Amino acid sequence: MSKKDDRTLERLFSHPMPMNLEWNEVKHMLEKLGASVETTHHSHTKITIGNETKTFKTFHKMLEDKHEVKELQHLLEAAGLAPSA
């Protein structure tokens, strides 16, 4: 991963929870981590990392919903990809 991807991952897990993550940066980071990111025919975003899969409402420009940020954190943690403390 690039330094920019590392910073995006760190920001995703930062406290307080970030409310201004750009979706394109998060998507790029996820793909560099080996995730499959696809848009379903129901206009949802399906993210698969290893054996872990989660479907979200389609993200547009920003990742702003606290619940979805938390769900994305859980997905990365379950896949063993959370940043070390």
PDB file of N, CA and C in Angstrom:
ATOM      1  N   MET A   1       0.844  -1.192   0.000  1.00  0.00           N
ATOM      2  CA  MET A   1       0.000   0.000   0.000  1.00  0.00           C
ATOM      3  C   MET A   1       0.880   1.244   0.000  1.00  0.00           C
ATOM      4  N   SER A   2       0.336   2.292  -0.552  1.00  0.00           N
ATOM      5  CA  SER A   2       1.051   3.563  -0.562  1.00  0.00           C
ATOM      6  C   SER A   2       0.884   4.270   0.786  1.00  0.00           C
ATOM      7  N   LYS A   3       1.674   5.301   0.999  1.00  0.00           N
ATOM      8  CA  LYS A   3       1.543   6.080   2.233  1.00  0.00           C
ATOM      9  C   LYS A   3       0.153   6.701   2.329  1.00  0.00           C
ATOM     10  N   LYS A   4      -0.406   7.109   1.187  1.00  0.00           N
ATOM     11  CA  LYS A   4      -1.750   7.694   1.184  1.00  0.00           C
ATOM     12  C   LYS A   4      -2.774   6.655   1.647  1.00  0.00           C
ATOM     13  N   ASP A   5      -2.629   5.403   1.183  1.00  0.00           N
ATOM     14  CA  ASP A   5      -3.531   4.334   1.623  1.00  0.00           C
ATOM     15  C   ASP A   5      -3.363   4.067   3.111  1.00  0.00           C
ATOM     16  N   ASP A   6      -2.116   4.082   3.587  1.00  0.00           N
ATOM     17  CA  ASP A   6      -1.866   3.895   5.026  1.00  0.00           C
ATOM     18  C   ASP A   6      -2.560   4.986   5.843  1.00  0.00           C
ATOM     19  N   ARG A   7      -2.457   6.227   5.370  1.00  0.00           N
ATOM     20  CA  ARG A   7      -3.107   7.348   6.079  1.00  0.00           C
ATOM     21  C   ARG A   7      -4.626   7.196   6.061  1.00  0.00           C
ATOM     22  N   THR A   8      -5.172   6.733   4.935  1.00  0.00           N
ATOM     23  CA  THR A   8      -6.624   6.530   4.844  1.00  0.00           C
ATOM     24  C   THR A   8      -7.069   5.475   5.847  1.00  0.00           C
ATOM     25  N   LEU A   9      -6.320   4.382   5.948  1.00  0.00           N
ATOM     26  CA  LEU A   9      -6.648   3.324   6.914  1.00  0.00           C
ATOM     27  C   LEU A   9      -6.563   3.848   8.339  1.00  0.00           C
ATOM     28  N   GLU A  10      -5.517   4.600   8.636  1.00  0.00           N
ATOM     29  CA  GLU A  10      -5.376   5.183   9.978  1.00  0.00           C
ATOM     30  C   GLU A  10      -6.525   6.138  10.282  1.00  0.00           C
ATOM     31  N   ARG A  11      -6.894   6.962   9.313  1.00  0.00           N
ATOM     32  CA  ARG A  11      -8.000   7.914   9.519  1.00  0.00           C
ATOM     33  C   ARG A  11      -9.320   7.183   9.729  1.00  0.00           C
ATOM     34  N   LEU A  12      -9.514   6.080   9.015  1.00  0.00           N
ATOM     35  CA  LEU A  12     -10.754   5.316   9.140  1.00  0.00           C
ATOM     36  C   LEU A  12     -10.945   4.819  10.570  1.00  0.00           C
ATOM     37  N   PHE A  13      -9.838   4.500  11.246  1.00  0.00           N
ATOM     38  CA  PHE A  13      -9.904   3.981  12.611  1.00  0.00           C
ATOM     39  C   PHE A  13      -9.603   5.036  13.673  1.00  0.00           C
ATOM     40  N   SER A  14      -9.463   6.294  13.277  1.00  0.00           N
ATOM     41  CA  SER A  14      -9.105   7.336  14.236  1.00  0.00           C
ATOM     42  C   SER A  14     -10.273   7.680  15.165  1.00  0.00           C
ATOM     43  N   HIS A  15      -9.909   8.310  16.277  1.00  0.00           N
ATOM     44  CA  HIS A  15     -10.896   8.788  17.247  1.00  0.00           C
ATOM     45  C   HIS A  15     -10.698  10.281  17.398  1.00  0.00           C
ATOM     46  N   PRO A  16     -11.725  11.102  17.307  1.00  0.00           N
ATOM     47  CA  PRO A  16     -13.107  10.711  17.056  1.00  0.00           C
ATOM     48  C   PRO A  16     -13.284  10.149  15.643  1.00  0.00           C
ATOM     49  N   MET A  17     -14.394   9.450  15.467  1.00  0.00           N
ATOM     50  CA  MET A  17     -14.689   8.815  14.197  1.00  0.00           C
ATOM     51  C   MET A  17     -14.729   9.862  13.083  1.00  0.00           C
ATOM     52  N   PRO A  18     -14.031   9.613  11.983  1.00  0.00           N
ATOM     53  CA  PRO A  18     -14.006  10.595  10.887  1.00  0.00           C
ATOM     54  C   PRO A  18     -15.348  10.662  10.169  1.00  0.00           C
ATOM     55  N   MET A  19     -15.713  11.846   9.767  1.00  0.00           N
ATOM     56  CA  MET A  19     -16.981  12.027   9.067  1.00  0.00           C
ATOM     57  C   MET A  19     -16.772  12.663   7.691  1.00  0.00           C
ATOM     58  N   ASN A  20     -15.541  12.651   7.220  1.00  0.00           N
ATOM     59  CA  ASN A  20     -15.258  13.310   5.953  1.00  0.00           C
ATOM     60  C   ASN A  20     -14.273  12.510   5.104  1.00  0.00           C
ATOM     61  N   LEU A  21     -14.433  11.201   5.088  1.00  0.00           N
ATOM     62  CA  LEU A  21     -13.555  10.359   4.273  1.00  0.00           C
ATOM     63  C   LEU A  21     -14.058  10.341   2.836  1.00  0.00           C
ATOM     64  N   GLU A  22     -13.157  10.569   1.898  1.00  0.00           N
ATOM     65  CA  GLU A  22     -13.547  10.524   0.494  1.00  0.00           C
ATOM     66  C   GLU A  22     -13.669   9.068   0.062  1.00  0.00           C
ATOM     67  N   TRP A  23     -14.811   8.737  -0.540  1.00  0.00           N
ATOM     68  CA  TRP A  23     -15.083   7.367  -0.931  1.00  0.00           C
ATOM     69  C   TRP A  23     -14.031   6.835  -1.906  1.00  0.00           C
ATOM     70  N   ASN A  24     -13.597   7.635  -2.866  1.00  0.00           N
ATOM     71  CA  ASN A  24     -12.604   7.155  -3.834  1.00  0.00           C
ATOM     72  C   ASN A  24     -11.299   6.755  -3.152  1.00  0.00           C
ATOM     73  N   GLU A  25     -10.901   7.484  -2.125  1.00  0.00           N
ATOM     74  CA  GLU A  25      -9.685   7.136  -1.385  1.00  0.00           C
ATOM     75  C   GLU A  25      -9.874   5.838  -0.605  1.00  0.00           C
ATOM     76  N   VAL A  26     -11.055   5.684   0.018  1.00  0.00           N
ATOM     77  CA  VAL A  26     -11.347   4.471   0.784  1.00  0.00           C
ATOM     78  C   VAL A  26     -11.411   3.269  -0.165  1.00  0.00           C
ATOM     79  N   LYS A  27     -12.061   3.437  -1.299  1.00  0.00           N
ATOM     80  CA  LYS A  27     -12.173   2.349  -2.286  1.00  0.00           C
ATOM     81  C   LYS A  27     -10.787   1.935  -2.776  1.00  0.00           C
ATOM     82  N   HIS A  28      -9.944   2.890  -3.098  1.00  0.00           N
ATOM     83  CA  HIS A  28      -8.587   2.595  -3.557  1.00  0.00           C
ATOM     84  C   HIS A  28      -7.826   1.815  -2.486  1.00  0.00           C
ATOM     85  N   MET A  29      -7.937   2.245  -1.231  1.00  0.00           N
ATOM     86  CA  MET A  29      -7.267   1.565  -0.135  1.00  0.00           C
ATOM     87  C   MET A  29      -7.774   0.124  -0.006  1.00  0.00           C
ATOM     88  N   LEU A  30      -9.093  -0.053  -0.068  1.00  0.00           N
ATOM     89  CA  LEU A  30      -9.675  -1.387   0.047  1.00  0.00           C
ATOM     90  C   LEU A  30      -9.156  -2.308  -1.057  1.00  0.00           C
ATOM     91  N   GLU A  31      -9.105  -1.801  -2.283  1.00  0.00           N
ATOM     92  CA  GLU A  31      -8.618  -2.605  -3.399  1.00  0.00           C
ATOM     93  C   GLU A  31      -7.144  -2.965  -3.222  1.00  0.00           C
ATOM     94  N   LYS A  32      -6.338  -2.055  -2.680  1.00  0.00           N
ATOM     95  CA  LYS A  32      -4.929  -2.348  -2.419  1.00  0.00           C
ATOM     96  C   LYS A  32      -4.772  -3.385  -1.310  1.00  0.00           C
ATOM     97  N   LEU A  33      -5.767  -3.471  -0.419  1.00  0.00           N
ATOM     98  CA  LEU A  33      -5.762  -4.484   0.635  1.00  0.00           C
ATOM     99  C   LEU A  33      -6.263  -5.837   0.121  1.00  0.00           C
ATOM    100  N   GLY A  34      -6.666  -5.874  -1.157  1.00  0.00           N
ATOM    101  CA  GLY A  34      -7.135  -7.124  -1.752  1.00  0.00           C
ATOM    102  C   GLY A  34      -8.637  -7.298  -1.746  1.00  0.00           C
ATOM    103  N   ALA A  35      -9.371  -6.242  -1.429  1.00  0.00           N
ATOM    104  CA  ALA A  35     -10.827  -6.332  -1.377  1.00  0.00           C
ATOM    105  C   ALA A  35     -11.424  -6.260  -2.781  1.00  0.00           C
ATOM    106  N   SER A  36     -12.556  -6.894  -2.927  1.00  0.00           N
ATOM    107  CA  SER A  36     -13.372  -6.754  -4.123  1.00  0.00           C
ATOM    108  C   SER A  36     -14.443  -5.724  -3.792  1.00  0.00           C
ATOM    109  N   VAL A  37     -14.537  -4.669  -4.585  1.00  0.00           N
ATOM    110  CA  VAL A  37     -15.535  -3.613  -4.361  1.00  0.00           C
ATOM    111  C   VAL A  37     -16.388  -3.526  -5.619  1.00  0.00           C
ATOM    112  N   GLU A  38     -17.670  -3.851  -5.485  1.00  0.00           N
ATOM    113  CA  GLU A  38     -18.542  -3.832  -6.658  1.00  0.00           C
ATOM    114  C   GLU A  38     -19.882  -3.199  -6.339  1.00  0.00           C
ATOM    115  N   THR A  39     -20.491  -2.627  -7.358  1.00  0.00           N
ATOM    116  CA  THR A  39     -21.828  -2.053  -7.219  1.00  0.00           C
ATOM    117  C   THR A  39     -22.832  -3.090  -7.691  1.00  0.00           C
ATOM    118  N   THR A  40     -23.816  -3.379  -6.850  1.00  0.00           N
ATOM    119  CA  THR A  40     -24.831  -4.372  -7.202  1.00  0.00           C
ATOM    120  C   THR A  40     -25.919  -3.732  -8.050  1.00  0.00           C
ATOM    121  N   HIS A  41     -26.786  -4.567  -8.585  1.00  0.00           N
ATOM    122  CA  HIS A  41     -27.886  -4.047  -9.408  1.00  0.00           C
ATOM    123  C   HIS A  41     -28.927  -3.310  -8.570  1.00  0.00           C
ATOM    124  N   HIS A  42     -28.823  -3.375  -7.262  1.00  0.00           N
ATOM    125  CA  HIS A  42     -29.726  -2.639  -6.372  1.00  0.00           C
ATOM    126  C   HIS A  42     -29.090  -1.340  -5.894  1.00  0.00           C
ATOM    127  N   SER A  43     -28.046  -0.907  -6.587  1.00  0.00           N
ATOM    128  CA  SER A  43     -27.325   0.324  -6.246  1.00  0.00           C
ATOM    129  C   SER A  43     -26.749   0.286  -4.833  1.00  0.00           C
ATOM    130  N   HIS A  44     -26.216  -0.837  -4.474  1.00  0.00           N
ATOM    131  CA  HIS A  44     -25.499  -0.982  -3.219  1.00  0.00           C
ATOM    132  C   HIS A  44     -24.040  -1.289  -3.534  1.00  0.00           C
ATOM    133  N   THR A  45     -23.168  -1.078  -2.573  1.00  0.00           N
ATOM    134  CA  THR A  45     -21.762  -1.390  -2.730  1.00  0.00           C
ATOM    135  C   THR A  45     -21.459  -2.635  -1.904  1.00  0.00           C
ATOM    136  N   LYS A  46     -20.971  -3.674  -2.569  1.00  0.00           N
ATOM    137  CA  LYS A  46     -20.633  -4.940  -1.924  1.00  0.00           C
ATOM    138  C   LYS A  46     -19.119  -5.008  -1.799  1.00  0.00           C
ATOM    139  N   ILE A  47     -18.635  -5.171  -0.568  1.00  0.00           N
ATOM    140  CA  ILE A  47     -17.207  -5.234  -0.299  1.00  0.00           C
ATOM    141  C   ILE A  47     -16.893  -6.621   0.260  1.00  0.00           C
ATOM    142  N   THR A  48     -15.959  -7.303  -0.394  1.00  0.00           N
ATOM    143  CA  THR A  48     -15.540  -8.628   0.049  1.00  0.00           C
ATOM    144  C   THR A  48     -14.038  -8.604   0.293  1.00  0.00           C
ATOM    145  N   ILE A  49     -13.639  -9.031   1.488  1.00  0.00           N
ATOM    146  CA  ILE A  49     -12.225  -9.158   1.839  1.00  0.00           C
ATOM    147  C   ILE A  49     -12.059 -10.564   2.403  1.00  0.00           C
ATOM    148  N   GLY A  50     -11.348 -11.403   1.684  1.00  0.00           N
ATOM    149  CA  GLY A  50     -11.197 -12.790   2.120  1.00  0.00           C
ATOM    150  C   GLY A  50     -12.559 -13.450   2.201  1.00  0.00           C
ATOM    151  N   ASN A  51     -12.891 -13.979   3.377  1.00  0.00           N
ATOM    152  CA  ASN A  51     -14.192 -14.627   3.585  1.00  0.00           C
ATOM    153  C   ASN A  51     -15.243 -13.675   4.128  1.00  0.00           C
ATOM    154  N   GLU A  52     -14.888 -12.430   4.315  1.00  0.00           N
ATOM    155  CA  GLU A  52     -15.789 -11.436   4.902  1.00  0.00           C
ATOM    156  C   GLU A  52     -16.442 -10.598   3.800  1.00  0.00           C
ATOM    157  N   THR A  53     -17.761 -10.462   3.861  1.00  0.00           N
ATOM    158  CA  THR A  53     -18.502  -9.649   2.884  1.00  0.00           C
ATOM    159  C   THR A  53     -19.509  -8.775   3.611  1.00  0.00           C
ATOM    160  N   LYS A  54     -19.647  -7.562   3.154  1.00  0.00           N
ATOM    161  CA  LYS A  54     -20.621  -6.618   3.706  1.00  0.00           C
ATOM    162  C   LYS A  54     -21.165  -5.780   2.563  1.00  0.00           C
ATOM    163  N   THR A  55     -22.464  -5.521   2.601  1.00  0.00           N
ATOM    164  CA  THR A  55     -23.102  -4.688   1.595  1.00  0.00           C
ATOM    165  C   THR A  55     -23.563  -3.391   2.238  1.00  0.00           C
ATOM    166  N   PHE A  56     -23.249  -2.285   1.589  1.00  0.00           N
ATOM    167  CA  PHE A  56     -23.580  -0.948   2.064  1.00  0.00           C
ATOM    168  C   PHE A  56     -24.452  -0.256   1.029  1.00  0.00           C
ATOM    169  N   LYS A  57     -25.165   0.783   1.444  1.00  0.00           N
ATOM    170  CA  LYS A  57     -25.811   1.624   0.446  1.00  0.00           C
ATOM    171  C   LYS A  57     -24.691   2.231  -0.399  1.00  0.00           C
ATOM    172  N   THR A  58     -24.984   2.575  -1.611  1.00  0.00           N
ATOM    173  CA  THR A  58     -23.938   3.082  -2.492  1.00  0.00           C
ATOM    174  C   THR A  58     -23.373   4.387  -1.964  1.00  0.00           C
ATOM    175  N   PHE A  59     -22.049   4.431  -1.897  1.00  0.00           N
ATOM    176  CA  PHE A  59     -21.356   5.641  -1.470  1.00  0.00           C
ATOM    177  C   PHE A  59     -21.206   6.546  -2.683  1.00  0.00           C
ATOM    178  N   HIS A  60     -21.281   7.816  -2.444  1.00  0.00           N
ATOM    179  CA  HIS A  60     -21.100   8.758  -3.541  1.00  0.00           C
ATOM    180  C   HIS A  60     -19.739   9.419  -3.370  1.00  0.00           C
ATOM    181  N   LYS A  61     -19.688  10.633  -2.952  1.00  0.00           N
ATOM    182  CA  LYS A  61     -18.408  11.334  -2.837  1.00  0.00           C
ATOM    183  C   LYS A  61     -17.739  11.115  -1.476  1.00  0.00           C
ATOM    184  N   MET A  62     -18.520  11.126  -0.418  1.00  0.00           N
ATOM    185  CA  MET A  62     -17.958  11.051   0.929  1.00  0.00           C
ATOM    186  C   MET A  62     -18.564   9.894   1.715  1.00  0.00           C
ATOM    187  N   LEU A  63     -17.790   9.408   2.664  1.00  0.00           N
ATOM    188  CA  LEU A  63     -18.249   8.410   3.618  1.00  0.00           C
ATOM    189  C   LEU A  63     -18.572   9.193   4.882  1.00  0.00           C
ATOM    190  N   GLU A  64     -19.854   9.432   5.136  1.00  0.00           N
ATOM    191  CA  GLU A  64     -20.247  10.355   6.201  1.00  0.00           C
ATOM    192  C   GLU A  64     -21.114   9.738   7.292  1.00  0.00           C
ATOM    193  N   ASP A  65     -21.652   8.557   7.068  1.00  0.00           N
ATOM    194  CA  ASP A  65     -22.559   7.933   8.019  1.00  0.00           C
ATOM    195  C   ASP A  65     -21.766   7.169   9.082  1.00  0.00           C
ATOM    196  N   LYS A  66     -21.949   7.534  10.366  1.00  0.00           N
ATOM    197  CA  LYS A  66     -21.201   6.904  11.459  1.00  0.00           C
ATOM    198  C   LYS A  66     -21.401   5.394  11.497  1.00  0.00           C
ATOM    199  N   HIS A  67     -22.639   4.968  11.279  1.00  0.00           N
ATOM    200  CA  HIS A  67     -22.938   3.536  11.310  1.00  0.00           C
ATOM    201  C   HIS A  67     -22.153   2.802  10.220  1.00  0.00           C
ATOM    202  N   GLU A  68     -22.090   3.367   9.029  1.00  0.00           N
ATOM    203  CA  GLU A  68     -21.382   2.714   7.935  1.00  0.00           C
ATOM    204  C   GLU A  68     -19.869   2.727   8.149  1.00  0.00           C
ATOM    205  N   VAL A  69     -19.344   3.795   8.724  1.00  0.00           N
ATOM    206  CA  VAL A  69     -17.910   3.834   9.052  1.00  0.00           C
ATOM    207  C   VAL A  69     -17.613   2.723  10.057  1.00  0.00           C
ATOM    208  N   LYS A  70     -18.465   2.568  11.061  1.00  0.00           N
ATOM    209  CA  LYS A  70     -18.282   1.530  12.079  1.00  0.00           C
ATOM    210  C   LYS A  70     -18.373   0.140  11.456  1.00  0.00           C
ATOM    211  N   GLU A  71     -19.324  -0.077  10.555  1.00  0.00           N
ATOM    212  CA  GLU A  71     -19.463  -1.367   9.879  1.00  0.00           C
ATOM    213  C   GLU A  71     -18.234  -1.680   9.028  1.00  0.00           C
ATOM    214  N   LEU A  72     -17.686  -0.671   8.372  1.00  0.00           N
ATOM    215  CA  LEU A  72     -16.479  -0.855   7.578  1.00  0.00           C
ATOM    216  C   LEU A  72     -15.292  -1.189   8.487  1.00  0.00           C
ATOM    217  N   GLN A  73     -15.219  -0.539   9.642  1.00  0.00           N
ATOM    218  CA  GLN A  73     -14.181  -0.866  10.626  1.00  0.00           C
ATOM    219  C   GLN A  73     -14.292  -2.331  11.048  1.00  0.00           C
ATOM    220  N   HIS A  74     -15.512  -2.777  11.341  1.00  0.00           N
ATOM    221  CA  HIS A  74     -15.733  -4.168  11.765  1.00  0.00           C
ATOM    222  C   HIS A  74     -15.329  -5.146  10.656  1.00  0.00           C
ATOM    223  N   LEU A  75     -15.649  -4.814   9.410  1.00  0.00           N
ATOM    224  CA  LEU A  75     -15.291  -5.675   8.290  1.00  0.00           C
ATOM    225  C   LEU A  75     -13.767  -5.812   8.193  1.00  0.00           C
ATOM    226  N   LEU A  76     -13.066  -4.700   8.293  1.00  0.00           N
ATOM    227  CA  LEU A  76     -11.609  -4.743   8.229  1.00  0.00           C
ATOM    228  C   LEU A  76     -11.010  -5.478   9.421  1.00  0.00           C
ATOM    229  N   GLU A  77     -11.579  -5.285  10.609  1.00  0.00           N
ATOM    230  CA  GLU A  77     -11.105  -6.000  11.796  1.00  0.00           C
ATOM    231  C   GLU A  77     -11.312  -7.506  11.638  1.00  0.00           C
ATOM    232  N   ALA A  78     -12.485  -7.910  11.143  1.00  0.00           N
ATOM    233  CA  ALA A  78     -12.779  -9.330  10.958  1.00  0.00           C
ATOM    234  C   ALA A  78     -11.835  -9.973   9.950  1.00  0.00           C
ATOM    235  N   ALA A  79     -11.378  -9.182   8.984  1.00  0.00           N
ATOM    236  CA  ALA A  79     -10.447  -9.677   7.978  1.00  0.00           C
ATOM    237  C   ALA A  79      -8.995  -9.573   8.447  1.00  0.00           C
ATOM    238  N   GLY A  80      -8.780  -9.065   9.669  1.00  0.00           N
ATOM    239  CA  GLY A  80      -7.441  -8.934  10.217  1.00  0.00           C
ATOM    240  C   GLY A  80      -6.655  -7.781   9.626  1.00  0.00           C
ATOM    241  N   LEU A  81      -7.350  -6.742   9.162  1.00  0.00           N
ATOM    242  CA  LEU A  81      -6.691  -5.634   8.488  1.00  0.00           C
ATOM    243  C   LEU A  81      -6.774  -4.304   9.228  1.00  0.00           C
ATOM    244  N   ALA A  82      -7.146  -4.352  10.488  1.00  0.00           N
ATOM    245  CA  ALA A  82      -7.167  -3.116  11.279  1.00  0.00           C
ATOM    246  C   ALA A  82      -5.728  -2.695  11.546  1.00  0.00           C
ATOM    247  N   PRO A  83      -5.469  -1.393  11.593  1.00  0.00           N
ATOM    248  CA  PRO A  83      -4.096  -0.949  11.881  1.00  0.00           C
ATOM    249  C   PRO A  83      -3.698  -1.334  13.300  1.00  0.00           C
ATOM    250  N   SER A  84      -2.411  -1.590  13.499  1.00  0.00           N
ATOM    251  CA  SER A  84      -1.945  -1.923  14.837  1.00  0.00           C
ATOM    252  C   SER A  84      -1.928  -0.665  15.700  1.00  0.00           C
ATOM    253  N   ALA A  85      -2.233  -0.846  16.960  1.00  0.00           N
ATOM    254  CA  ALA A  85      -2.348   0.305  17.875  1.00  0.00           C
ATOM    255  C   ALA A  85      -1.033   0.932  18.179  1.00  0.00           C
TER     256      ALA A  85
END
